Amino acid sequence: MLLDVRTYRCRPGTINAHLALYNEMGKAPQTRHLGQPLAYLKTETGDPNEYVHIWVYENAGDREAKRAAMWADPDWLAYTKASAELGALEAQKNQLMAPVDFFPAPR
């Protein structure tokens, strides 16, 4: 199992517009290809301009195939274009992580 942990930072005052755009245009094509995320989280304490989402893959090959299909989807490309035009995203950090063997893997 491979977890893709993604942390994004939006320009101050833009996170709600960014998440609304994702809900309207990005959620459907992304979940169509990647399935449901393990988590999609907005900061409760700390930096109010950050959010995190975590996607679960069988392995690196599974991740690569699903993401390639997503990036070939015109609906996803339309979302990424609209997101770039909105200009809310400031930074992105991605980590690929694997569960330890002494705790059950998330499902």
PDB file of N, CA and C in Angstrom:
ATOM      1  N   MET A   1       0.845  -1.177   0.000  1.00  0.00           N
ATOM      2  CA  MET A   1       0.000   0.000   0.000  1.00  0.00           C
ATOM      3  C   MET A   1       0.884   1.232   0.000  1.00  0.00           C
ATOM      4  N   LEU A   2       0.466   2.227  -0.772  1.00  0.00           N
ATOM      5  CA  LEU A   2       1.192   3.482  -0.888  1.00  0.00           C
ATOM      6  C   LEU A   2       0.212   4.623  -0.639  1.00  0.00           C
ATOM      7  N   LEU A   3       0.559   5.527   0.259  1.00  0.00           N
ATOM      8  CA  LEU A   3      -0.274   6.692   0.569  1.00  0.00           C
ATOM      9  C   LEU A   3       0.371   7.928  -0.043  1.00  0.00           C
ATOM     10  N   ASP A   4      -0.404   8.663  -0.799  1.00  0.00           N
ATOM     11  CA  ASP A   4       0.048   9.919  -1.396  1.00  0.00           C
ATOM     12  C   ASP A   4      -0.535  11.037  -0.546  1.00  0.00           C
ATOM     13  N   VAL A   5       0.311  11.640   0.287  1.00  0.00           N
ATOM     14  CA  VAL A   5      -0.102  12.697   1.212  1.00  0.00           C
ATOM     15  C   VAL A   5       0.254  14.034   0.569  1.00  0.00           C
ATOM     16  N   ARG A   6      -0.767  14.839   0.318  1.00  0.00           N
ATOM     17  CA  ARG A   6      -0.571  16.098  -0.395  1.00  0.00           C
ATOM     18  C   ARG A   6      -1.021  17.262   0.485  1.00  0.00           C
ATOM     19  N   THR A   7      -0.126  18.206   0.698  1.00  0.00           N
ATOM     20  CA  THR A   7      -0.427  19.407   1.473  1.00  0.00           C
ATOM     21  C   THR A   7      -0.333  20.607   0.540  1.00  0.00           C
ATOM     22  N   TYR A   8      -1.383  21.404   0.521  1.00  0.00           N
ATOM     23  CA  TYR A   8      -1.435  22.580  -0.335  1.00  0.00           C
ATOM     24  C   TYR A   8      -1.601  23.827   0.524  1.00  0.00           C
ATOM     25  N   ARG A   9      -1.012  24.916   0.064  1.00  0.00           N
ATOM     26  CA  ARG A   9      -1.179  26.200   0.741  1.00  0.00           C
ATOM     27  C   ARG A   9      -1.741  27.183  -0.269  1.00  0.00           C
ATOM     28  N   CYS A  10      -2.808  27.862   0.142  1.00  0.00           N
ATOM     29  CA  CYS A  10      -3.452  28.869  -0.695  1.00  0.00           C
ATOM     30  C   CYS A  10      -3.044  30.272  -0.237  1.00  0.00           C
ATOM     31  N   ARG A  11      -3.104  31.208  -1.151  1.00  0.00           N
ATOM     32  CA  ARG A  11      -2.896  32.604  -0.770  1.00  0.00           C
ATOM     33  C   ARG A  11      -3.942  32.983   0.274  1.00  0.00           C
ATOM     34  N   PRO A  12      -3.585  33.795   1.248  1.00  0.00           N
ATOM     35  CA  PRO A  12      -4.556  34.192   2.268  1.00  0.00           C
ATOM     36  C   PRO A  12      -5.843  34.731   1.645  1.00  0.00           C
ATOM     37  N   GLY A  13      -6.955  34.247   2.190  1.00  0.00           N
ATOM     38  CA  GLY A  13      -8.261  34.697   1.748  1.00  0.00           C
ATOM     39  C   GLY A  13      -8.822  33.977   0.533  1.00  0.00           C
ATOM     40  N   THR A  14      -8.109  32.962   0.004  1.00  0.00           N
ATOM     41  CA  THR A  14      -8.576  32.310  -1.222  1.00  0.00           C
ATOM     42  C   THR A  14      -8.946  30.839  -1.048  1.00  0.00           C
ATOM     43  N   ILE A  15      -8.723  30.269   0.123  1.00  0.00           N
ATOM     44  CA  ILE A  15      -8.920  28.824   0.284  1.00  0.00           C
ATOM     45  C   ILE A  15     -10.376  28.413   0.022  1.00  0.00           C
ATOM     46  N   ASN A  16     -11.329  29.199   0.487  1.00  0.00           N
ATOM     47  CA  ASN A  16     -12.729  28.825   0.281  1.00  0.00           C
ATOM     48  C   ASN A  16     -13.105  28.847  -1.198  1.00  0.00           C
ATOM     49  N   ALA A  17     -12.624  29.836  -1.936  1.00  0.00           N
ATOM     50  CA  ALA A  17     -12.883  29.888  -3.382  1.00  0.00           C
ATOM     51  C   ALA A  17     -12.205  28.720  -4.081  1.00  0.00           C
ATOM     52  N   HIS A  18     -11.001  28.386  -3.652  1.00  0.00           N
ATOM     53  CA  HIS A  18     -10.282  27.264  -4.259  1.00  0.00           C
ATOM     54  C   HIS A  18     -11.004  25.939  -4.005  1.00  0.00           C
ATOM     55  N   LEU A  19     -11.410  25.706  -2.774  1.00  0.00           N
ATOM     56  CA  LEU A  19     -12.114  24.459  -2.452  1.00  0.00           C
ATOM     57  C   LEU A  19     -13.478  24.397  -3.137  1.00  0.00           C
ATOM     58  N   ALA A  20     -14.150  25.532  -3.279  1.00  0.00           N
ATOM     59  CA  ALA A  20     -15.432  25.557  -3.991  1.00  0.00           C
ATOM     60  C   ALA A  20     -15.234  25.197  -5.464  1.00  0.00           C
ATOM     61  N   LEU A  21     -14.179  25.710  -6.074  1.00  0.00           N
ATOM     62  CA  LEU A  21     -13.870  25.376  -7.465  1.00  0.00           C
ATOM     63  C   LEU A  21     -13.569  23.883  -7.598  1.00  0.00           C
ATOM     64  N   TYR A  22     -12.791  23.343  -6.658  1.00  0.00           N
ATOM     65  CA  TYR A  22     -12.503  21.903  -6.690  1.00  0.00           C
ATOM     66  C   TYR A  22     -13.797  21.096  -6.580  1.00  0.00           C
ATOM     67  N   ASN A  23     -14.662  21.465  -5.663  1.00  0.00           N
ATOM     68  CA  ASN A  23     -15.924  20.747  -5.479  1.00  0.00           C
ATOM     69  C   ASN A  23     -16.763  20.793  -6.755  1.00  0.00           C
ATOM     70  N   GLU A  24     -16.767  21.942  -7.406  1.00  0.00           N
ATOM     71  CA  GLU A  24     -17.572  22.122  -8.611  1.00  0.00           C
ATOM     72  C   GLU A  24     -16.976  21.422  -9.832  1.00  0.00           C
ATOM     73  N   MET A  25     -15.650  21.498 -10.005  1.00  0.00           N
ATOM     74  CA  MET A  25     -15.045  21.031 -11.258  1.00  0.00           C
ATOM     75  C   MET A  25     -14.040  19.895 -11.113  1.00  0.00           C
ATOM     76  N   GLY A  26     -13.373  19.794  -9.973  1.00  0.00           N
ATOM     77  CA  GLY A  26     -12.268  18.853  -9.838  1.00  0.00           C
ATOM     78  C   GLY A  26     -12.602  17.538  -9.171  1.00  0.00           C
ATOM     79  N   LYS A  27     -13.542  17.568  -8.256  1.00  0.00           N
ATOM     80  CA  LYS A  27     -13.858  16.367  -7.471  1.00  0.00           C
ATOM     81  C   LYS A  27     -14.318  15.210  -8.351  1.00  0.00           C
ATOM     82  N   ALA A  28     -15.240  15.462  -9.250  1.00  0.00           N
ATOM     83  CA  ALA A  28     -15.791  14.371 -10.077  1.00  0.00           C
ATOM     84  C   ALA A  28     -14.724  13.683 -10.932  1.00  0.00           C
ATOM     85  N   PRO A  29     -13.929  14.430 -11.708  1.00  0.00           N
ATOM     86  CA  PRO A  29     -12.928  13.716 -12.504  1.00  0.00           C
ATOM     87  C   PRO A  29     -11.835  13.071 -11.650  1.00  0.00           C
ATOM     88  N   GLN A  30     -11.462  13.690 -10.552  1.00  0.00           N
ATOM     89  CA  GLN A  30     -10.408  13.108  -9.728  1.00  0.00           C
ATOM     90  C   GLN A  30     -10.869  11.810  -9.080  1.00  0.00           C
ATOM     91  N   THR A  31     -12.046  11.815  -8.504  1.00  0.00           N
ATOM     92  CA  THR A  31     -12.522  10.588  -7.855  1.00  0.00           C
ATOM     93  C   THR A  31     -12.896   9.516  -8.880  1.00  0.00           C
ATOM     94  N   ARG A  32     -13.254   9.933 -10.084  1.00  0.00           N
ATOM     95  CA  ARG A  32     -13.537   8.968 -11.148  1.00  0.00           C
ATOM     96  C   ARG A  32     -12.293   8.114 -11.436  1.00  0.00           C
ATOM     97  N   HIS A  33     -11.120   8.719 -11.343  1.00  0.00           N
ATOM     98  CA  HIS A  33      -9.879   8.011 -11.651  1.00  0.00           C
ATOM     99  C   HIS A  33      -9.164   7.466 -10.414  1.00  0.00           C
ATOM    100  N   LEU A  34      -9.211   8.201  -9.312  1.00  0.00           N
ATOM    101  CA  LEU A  34      -8.440   7.809  -8.124  1.00  0.00           C
ATOM    102  C   LEU A  34      -9.276   7.113  -7.061  1.00  0.00           C
ATOM    103  N   GLY A  35     -10.601   7.163  -7.175  1.00  0.00           N
ATOM    104  CA  GLY A  35     -11.458   6.651  -6.119  1.00  0.00           C
ATOM    105  C   GLY A  35     -11.618   7.711  -5.035  1.00  0.00           C
ATOM    106  N   GLN A  36     -12.193   7.313  -3.919  1.00  0.00           N
ATOM    107  CA  GLN A  36     -12.391   8.238  -2.805  1.00  0.00           C
ATOM    108  C   GLN A  36     -11.081   8.405  -2.035  1.00  0.00           C
ATOM    109  N   PRO A  37     -10.766   9.635  -1.611  1.00  0.00           N
ATOM    110  CA  PRO A  37      -9.553   9.806  -0.802  1.00  0.00           C
ATOM    111  C   PRO A  37      -9.736   9.202   0.587  1.00  0.00           C
ATOM    112  N   LEU A  38      -8.631   8.836   1.202  1.00  0.00           N
ATOM    113  CA  LEU A  38      -8.668   8.404   2.593  1.00  0.00           C
ATOM    114  C   LEU A  38      -9.110   9.577   3.465  1.00  0.00           C
ATOM    115  N   ALA A  39      -8.633  10.771   3.107  1.00  0.00           N
ATOM    116  CA  ALA A  39      -9.000  11.980   3.852  1.00  0.00           C
ATOM    117  C   ALA A  39      -8.854  13.195   2.942  1.00  0.00           C
ATOM    118  N   TYR A  40      -9.690  14.170   3.173  1.00  0.00           N
ATOM    119  CA  TYR A  40      -9.601  15.476   2.506  1.00  0.00           C
ATOM    120  C   TYR A  40      -9.887  16.470   3.613  1.00  0.00           C
ATOM    121  N   LEU A  41      -8.869  17.176   4.077  1.00  0.00           N
ATOM    122  CA  LEU A  41      -8.935  17.902   5.343  1.00  0.00           C
ATOM    123  C   LEU A  41      -8.582  19.373   5.207  1.00  0.00           C
ATOM    124  N   LYS A  42      -9.319  20.208   5.890  1.00  0.00           N
ATOM    125  CA  LYS A  42      -9.041  21.636   5.986  1.00  0.00           C
ATOM    126  C   LYS A  42      -8.486  21.889   7.386  1.00  0.00           C
ATOM    127  N   THR A  43      -7.541  22.782   7.507  1.00  0.00           N
ATOM    128  CA  THR A  43      -6.893  23.038   8.793  1.00  0.00           C
ATOM    129  C   THR A  43      -7.876  23.556   9.839  1.00  0.00           C
ATOM    130  N   GLU A  44      -7.855  22.925  10.997  1.00  0.00           N
ATOM    131  CA  GLU A  44      -8.668  23.369  12.137  1.00  0.00           C
ATOM    132  C   GLU A  44      -7.854  24.338  13.007  1.00  0.00           C
ATOM    133  N   THR A  45      -6.597  23.979  13.271  1.00  0.00           N
ATOM    134  CA  THR A  45      -5.676  24.870  13.975  1.00  0.00           C
ATOM    135  C   THR A  45      -4.386  24.917  13.175  1.00  0.00           C
ATOM    136  N   GLY A  46      -3.633  25.965  13.347  1.00  0.00           N
ATOM    137  CA  GLY A  46      -2.418  26.124  12.546  1.00  0.00           C
ATOM    138  C   GLY A  46      -2.697  27.067  11.393  1.00  0.00           C
ATOM    139  N   ASP A  47      -2.060  26.821  10.269  1.00  0.00           N
ATOM    140  CA  ASP A  47      -2.180  27.693   9.107  1.00  0.00           C
ATOM    141  C   ASP A  47      -3.562  27.546   8.468  1.00  0.00           C
ATOM    142  N   PRO A  48      -4.402  28.573   8.522  1.00  0.00           N
ATOM    143  CA  PRO A  48      -5.758  28.463   7.979  1.00  0.00           C
ATOM    144  C   PRO A  48      -5.796  28.423   6.451  1.00  0.00           C
ATOM    145  N   ASN A  49      -4.660  28.583   5.831  1.00  0.00           N
ATOM    146  CA  ASN A  49      -4.592  28.594   4.373  1.00  0.00           C
ATOM    147  C   ASN A  49      -4.161  27.250   3.802  1.00  0.00           C
ATOM    148  N   GLU A  50      -4.019  26.229   4.656  1.00  0.00           N
ATOM    149  CA  GLU A  50      -3.575  24.913   4.200  1.00  0.00           C
ATOM    150  C   GLU A  50      -4.694  23.887   4.231  1.00  0.00           C
ATOM    151  N   TYR A  51      -4.585  22.938   3.325  1.00  0.00           N
ATOM    152  CA  TYR A  51      -5.451  21.756   3.358  1.00  0.00           C
ATOM    153  C   TYR A  51      -4.644  20.559   2.901  1.00  0.00           C
ATOM    154  N   VAL A  52      -5.116  19.369   3.275  1.00  0.00           N
ATOM    155  CA  VAL A  52      -4.392  18.123   3.016  1.00  0.00           C
ATOM    156  C   VAL A  52      -5.367  17.109   2.437  1.00  0.00           C
ATOM    157  N   HIS A  53      -4.895  16.340   1.478  1.00  0.00           N
ATOM    158  CA  HIS A  53      -5.665  15.166   1.072  1.00  0.00           C
ATOM    159  C   HIS A  53      -4.732  13.989   0.925  1.00  0.00           C
ATOM    160  N   ILE A  54      -5.289  12.793   1.175  1.00  0.00           N
ATOM    161  CA  ILE A  54      -4.511  11.556   1.180  1.00  0.00           C
ATOM    162  C   ILE A  54      -5.211  10.545   0.284  1.00  0.00           C
ATOM    163  N   TRP A  55      -4.453  10.023  -0.681  1.00  0.00           N
ATOM    164  CA  TRP A  55      -4.964   9.039  -1.630  1.00  0.00           C
ATOM    165  C   TRP A  55      -4.258   7.715  -1.398  1.00  0.00           C
ATOM    166  N   VAL A  56      -4.969   6.624  -1.536  1.00  0.00           N
ATOM    167  CA  VAL A  56      -4.434   5.294  -1.285  1.00  0.00           C
ATOM    168  C   VAL A  56      -4.285   4.550  -2.612  1.00  0.00           C
ATOM    169  N   TYR A  57      -3.110   3.976  -2.807  1.00  0.00           N
ATOM    170  CA  TYR A  57      -2.812   3.186  -4.008  1.00  0.00           C
ATOM    171  C   TYR A  57      -2.268   1.835  -3.579  1.00  0.00           C
ATOM    172  N   GLU A  58      -2.397   0.860  -4.453  1.00  0.00           N
ATOM    173  CA  GLU A  58      -1.826  -0.461  -4.179  1.00  0.00           C
ATOM    174  C   GLU A  58      -0.300  -0.384  -4.153  1.00  0.00           C
ATOM    175  N   ASN A  59       0.260   0.363  -5.102  1.00  0.00           N
ATOM    176  CA  ASN A  59       1.725   0.483  -5.235  1.00  0.00           C
ATOM    177  C   ASN A  59       2.008   1.648  -6.187  1.00  0.00           C
ATOM    178  N   ALA A  60       3.288   1.863  -6.490  1.00  0.00           N
ATOM    179  CA  ALA A  60       3.677   2.980  -7.353  1.00  0.00           C
ATOM    180  C   ALA A  60       3.111   2.828  -8.764  1.00  0.00           C
ATOM    181  N   GLY A  61       3.034   1.613  -9.259  1.00  0.00           N
ATOM    182  CA  GLY A  61       2.481   1.381 -10.591  1.00  0.00           C
ATOM    183  C   GLY A  61       1.004   1.723 -10.666  1.00  0.00           C
ATOM    184  N   ASP A  62       0.268   1.367  -9.626  1.00  0.00           N
ATOM    185  CA  ASP A  62      -1.156   1.692  -9.547  1.00  0.00           C
ATOM    186  C   ASP A  62      -1.336   3.210  -9.538  1.00  0.00           C
ATOM    187  N   ARG A  63      -0.526   3.898  -8.752  1.00  0.00           N
ATOM    188  CA  ARG A  63      -0.589   5.354  -8.678  1.00  0.00           C
ATOM    189  C   ARG A  63      -0.291   5.975 -10.042  1.00  0.00           C
ATOM    190  N   GLU A  64       0.757   5.508 -10.672  1.00  0.00           N
ATOM    191  CA  GLU A  64       1.156   6.051 -11.972  1.00  0.00           C
ATOM    192  C   GLU A  64       0.047   5.867 -13.018  1.00  0.00           C
ATOM    193  N   ALA A  65      -0.541   4.690 -13.075  1.00  0.00           N
ATOM    194  CA  ALA A  65      -1.590   4.415 -14.064  1.00  0.00           C
ATOM    195  C   ALA A  65      -2.833   5.271 -13.815  1.00  0.00           C
ATOM    196  N   LYS A  66      -3.251   5.365 -12.562  1.00  0.00           N
ATOM    197  CA  LYS A  66      -4.454   6.142 -12.245  1.00  0.00           C
ATOM    198  C   LYS A  66      -4.245   7.625 -12.504  1.00  0.00           C
ATOM    199  N   ARG A  67      -3.076   8.132 -12.141  1.00  0.00           N
ATOM    200  CA  ARG A  67      -2.808   9.555 -12.353  1.00  0.00           C
ATOM    201  C   ARG A  67      -2.647   9.870 -13.841  1.00  0.00           C
ATOM    202  N   ALA A  68      -2.081   8.957 -14.618  1.00  0.00           N
ATOM    203  CA  ALA A  68      -1.964   9.172 -16.067  1.00  0.00           C
ATOM    204  C   ALA A  68      -3.351   9.256 -16.696  1.00  0.00           C
ATOM    205  N   ALA A  69      -4.253   8.380 -16.280  1.00  0.00           N
ATOM    206  CA  ALA A  69      -5.621   8.419 -16.802  1.00  0.00           C
ATOM    207  C   ALA A  69      -6.303   9.726 -16.413  1.00  0.00           C
ATOM    208  N   MET A  70      -6.093  10.184 -15.184  1.00  0.00           N
ATOM    209  CA  MET A  70      -6.692  11.432 -14.729  1.00  0.00           C
ATOM    210  C   MET A  70      -6.184  12.606 -15.569  1.00  0.00           C
ATOM    211  N   TRP A  71      -4.876  12.641 -15.828  1.00  0.00           N
ATOM    212  CA  TRP A  71      -4.291  13.743 -16.592  1.00  0.00           C
ATOM    213  C   TRP A  71      -4.645  13.676 -18.076  1.00  0.00           C
ATOM    214  N   ALA A  72      -5.234  12.586 -18.529  1.00  0.00           N
ATOM    215  CA  ALA A  72      -5.715  12.482 -19.908  1.00  0.00           C
ATOM    216  C   ALA A  72      -7.203  12.847 -20.002  1.00  0.00           C
ATOM    217  N   ASP A  73      -7.839  13.113 -18.877  1.00  0.00           N
ATOM    218  CA  ASP A  73      -9.271  13.404 -18.819  1.00  0.00           C
ATOM    219  C   ASP A  73      -9.502  14.898 -19.079  1.00  0.00           C
ATOM    220  N   PRO A  74     -10.272  15.252 -20.126  1.00  0.00           N
ATOM    221  CA  PRO A  74     -10.535  16.664 -20.421  1.00  0.00           C
ATOM    222  C   PRO A  74     -11.198  17.418 -19.264  1.00  0.00           C
ATOM    223  N   ASP A  75     -12.022  16.737 -18.478  1.00  0.00           N
ATOM    224  CA  ASP A  75     -12.659  17.401 -17.330  1.00  0.00           C
ATOM    225  C   ASP A  75     -11.618  17.804 -16.283  1.00  0.00           C
ATOM    226  N   TRP A  76     -10.621  16.935 -16.047  1.00  0.00           N
ATOM    227  CA  TRP A  76      -9.558  17.263 -15.094  1.00  0.00           C
ATOM    228  C   TRP A  76      -8.709  18.416 -15.632  1.00  0.00           C
ATOM    229  N   LEU A  77      -8.416  18.387 -16.908  1.00  0.00           N
ATOM    230  CA  LEU A  77      -7.622  19.463 -17.517  1.00  0.00           C
ATOM    231  C   LEU A  77      -8.362  20.794 -17.446  1.00  0.00           C
ATOM    232  N   ALA A  78      -9.673  20.774 -17.643  1.00  0.00           N
ATOM    233  CA  ALA A  78     -10.463  22.000 -17.514  1.00  0.00           C
ATOM    234  C   ALA A  78     -10.406  22.534 -16.089  1.00  0.00           C
ATOM    235  N   TYR A  79     -10.472  21.622 -15.112  1.00  0.00           N
ATOM    236  CA  TYR A  79     -10.364  22.051 -13.716  1.00  0.00           C
ATOM    237  C   TYR A  79      -8.994  22.677 -13.436  1.00  0.00           C
ATOM    238  N   THR A  80      -7.922  22.024 -13.861  1.00  0.00           N
ATOM    239  CA  THR A  80      -6.586  22.554 -13.566  1.00  0.00           C
ATOM    240  C   THR A  80      -6.373  23.915 -14.231  1.00  0.00           C
ATOM    241  N   LYS A  81      -6.967  24.105 -15.406  1.00  0.00           N
ATOM    242  CA  LYS A  81      -6.882  25.405 -16.081  1.00  0.00           C
ATOM    243  C   LYS A  81      -7.633  26.464 -15.264  1.00  0.00           C
ATOM    244  N   ALA A  82      -8.852  26.134 -14.822  1.00  0.00           N
ATOM    245  CA  ALA A  82      -9.632  27.074 -14.011  1.00  0.00           C
ATOM    246  C   ALA A  82      -8.940  27.370 -12.685  1.00  0.00           C
ATOM    247  N   SER A  83      -8.311  26.351 -12.100  1.00  0.00           N
ATOM    248  CA  SER A  83      -7.586  26.551 -10.847  1.00  0.00           C
ATOM    249  C   SER A  83      -6.396  27.494 -11.050  1.00  0.00           C
ATOM    250  N   ALA A  84      -5.669  27.306 -12.141  1.00  0.00           N
ATOM    251  CA  ALA A  84      -4.538  28.198 -12.433  1.00  0.00           C
ATOM    252  C   ALA A  84      -5.023  29.632 -12.646  1.00  0.00           C
ATOM    253  N   GLU A  85      -6.154  29.774 -13.329  1.00  0.00           N
ATOM    254  CA  GLU A  85      -6.710  31.111 -13.554  1.00  0.00           C
ATOM    255  C   GLU A  85      -7.155  31.760 -12.247  1.00  0.00           C
ATOM    256  N   LEU A  86      -7.683  30.965 -11.312  1.00  0.00           N
ATOM    257  CA  LEU A  86      -8.064  31.495 -10.009  1.00  0.00           C
ATOM    258  C   LEU A  86      -6.823  31.997  -9.266  1.00  0.00           C
ATOM    259  N   GLY A  87      -5.726  31.275  -9.387  1.00  0.00           N
ATOM    260  CA  GLY A  87      -4.471  31.719  -8.787  1.00  0.00           C
ATOM    261  C   GLY A  87      -4.392  31.600  -7.282  1.00  0.00           C
ATOM    262  N   ALA A  88      -5.164  30.708  -6.691  1.00  0.00           N
ATOM    263  CA  ALA A  88      -5.192  30.590  -5.235  1.00  0.00           C
ATOM    264  C   ALA A  88      -4.013  29.796  -4.679  1.00  0.00           C
ATOM    265  N   LEU A  89      -3.539  28.805  -5.417  1.00  0.00           N
ATOM    266  CA  LEU A  89      -2.487  27.939  -4.879  1.00  0.00           C
ATOM    267  C   LEU A  89      -1.138  28.650  -4.833  1.00  0.00           C
ATOM    268  N   GLU A  90      -0.501  28.523  -3.670  1.00  0.00           N
ATOM    269  CA  GLU A  90       0.795  29.157  -3.430  1.00  0.00           C
ATOM    270  C   GLU A  90       1.919  28.124  -3.357  1.00  0.00           C
ATOM    271  N   ALA A  91       1.619  26.964  -2.760  1.00  0.00           N
ATOM    272  CA  ALA A  91       2.643  25.938  -2.578  1.00  0.00           C
ATOM    273  C   ALA A  91       1.994  24.569  -2.486  1.00  0.00           C
ATOM    274  N   GLN A  92       2.797  23.550  -2.795  1.00  0.00           N
ATOM    275  CA  GLN A  92       2.327  22.164  -2.746  1.00  0.00           C
ATOM    276  C   GLN A  92       3.474  21.301  -2.242  1.00  0.00           C
ATOM    277  N   LYS A  93       3.142  20.357  -1.368  1.00  0.00           N
ATOM    278  CA  LYS A  93       4.119  19.395  -0.865  1.00  0.00           C
ATOM    279  C   LYS A  93       3.493  18.017  -0.989  1.00  0.00           C
ATOM    280  N   ASN A  94       4.193  17.092  -1.631  1.00  0.00           N
ATOM    281  CA  ASN A  94       3.705  15.721  -1.794  1.00  0.00           C
ATOM    282  C   ASN A  94       4.671  14.773  -1.092  1.00  0.00           C
ATOM    283  N   GLN A  95       4.097  13.796  -0.410  1.00  0.00           N
ATOM    284  CA  GLN A  95       4.888  12.736   0.211  1.00  0.00           C
ATOM    285  C   GLN A  95       4.237  11.401  -0.116  1.00  0.00           C
ATOM    286  N   LEU A  96       5.034  10.455  -0.594  1.00  0.00           N
ATOM    287  CA  LEU A  96       4.558   9.090  -0.766  1.00  0.00           C
ATOM    288  C   LEU A  96       5.006   8.328   0.465  1.00  0.00           C
ATOM    289  N   MET A  97       4.035   7.716   1.163  1.00  0.00           N
ATOM    290  CA  MET A  97       4.326   7.071   2.441  1.00  0.00           C
ATOM    291  C   MET A  97       3.745   5.667   2.456  1.00  0.00           C
ATOM    292  N   ALA A  98       4.369   4.798   3.234  1.00  0.00           N
ATOM    293  CA  ALA A  98       3.900   3.420   3.401  1.00  0.00           C
ATOM    294  C   ALA A  98       3.601   3.184   4.876  1.00  0.00           C
ATOM    295  N   PRO A  99       2.529   2.442   5.173  1.00  0.00           N
ATOM    296  CA  PRO A  99       2.198   2.155   6.576  1.00  0.00           C
ATOM    297  C   PRO A  99       3.266   1.277   7.234  1.00  0.00           C
ATOM    298  N   VAL A 100       3.429   1.440   8.523  1.00  0.00           N
ATOM    299  CA  VAL A 100       4.304   0.553   9.284  1.00  0.00           C
ATOM    300  C   VAL A 100       3.579  -0.768   9.509  1.00  0.00           C
ATOM    301  N   ASP A 101       4.323  -1.815   9.772  1.00  0.00           N
ATOM    302  CA  ASP A 101       3.698  -3.130   9.873  1.00  0.00           C
ATOM    303  C   ASP A 101       3.046  -3.408  11.230  1.00  0.00           C
ATOM    304  N   PHE A 102       3.220  -2.520  12.230  1.00  0.00           N
ATOM    305  CA  PHE A 102       2.615  -2.798  13.539  1.00  0.00           C
ATOM    306  C   PHE A 102       1.309  -2.046  13.788  1.00  0.00           C
ATOM    307  N   PHE A 103       0.788  -1.345  12.760  1.00  0.00           N
ATOM    308  CA  PHE A 103      -0.554  -0.775  12.800  1.00  0.00           C
ATOM    309  C   PHE A 103      -1.257  -1.186  11.519  1.00  0.00           C
ATOM    310  N   PRO A 104      -2.543  -1.471  11.576  1.00  0.00           N
ATOM    311  CA  PRO A 104      -3.247  -1.861  10.362  1.00  0.00           C
ATOM    312  C   PRO A 104      -3.257  -0.726   9.336  1.00  0.00           C
ATOM    313  N   ALA A 105      -3.193  -1.102   8.089  1.00  0.00           N
ATOM    314  CA  ALA A 105      -3.217  -0.118   7.018  1.00  0.00           C
ATOM    315  C   ALA A 105      -4.620   0.473   6.909  1.00  0.00           C
ATOM    316  N   PRO A 106      -4.713   1.767   6.588  1.00  0.00           N
ATOM    317  CA  PRO A 106      -6.027   2.382   6.413  1.00  0.00           C
ATOM    318  C   PRO A 106      -6.734   1.816   5.196  1.00  0.00           C
ATOM    319  N   ARG A 107      -8.038   1.817   5.227  1.00  0.00           N
ATOM    320  CA  ARG A 107      -8.849   1.323   4.095  1.00  0.00           C
ATOM    321  C   ARG A 107      -9.815   2.374   3.658  1.00  0.00           C
TER     322      ARG A 107
END
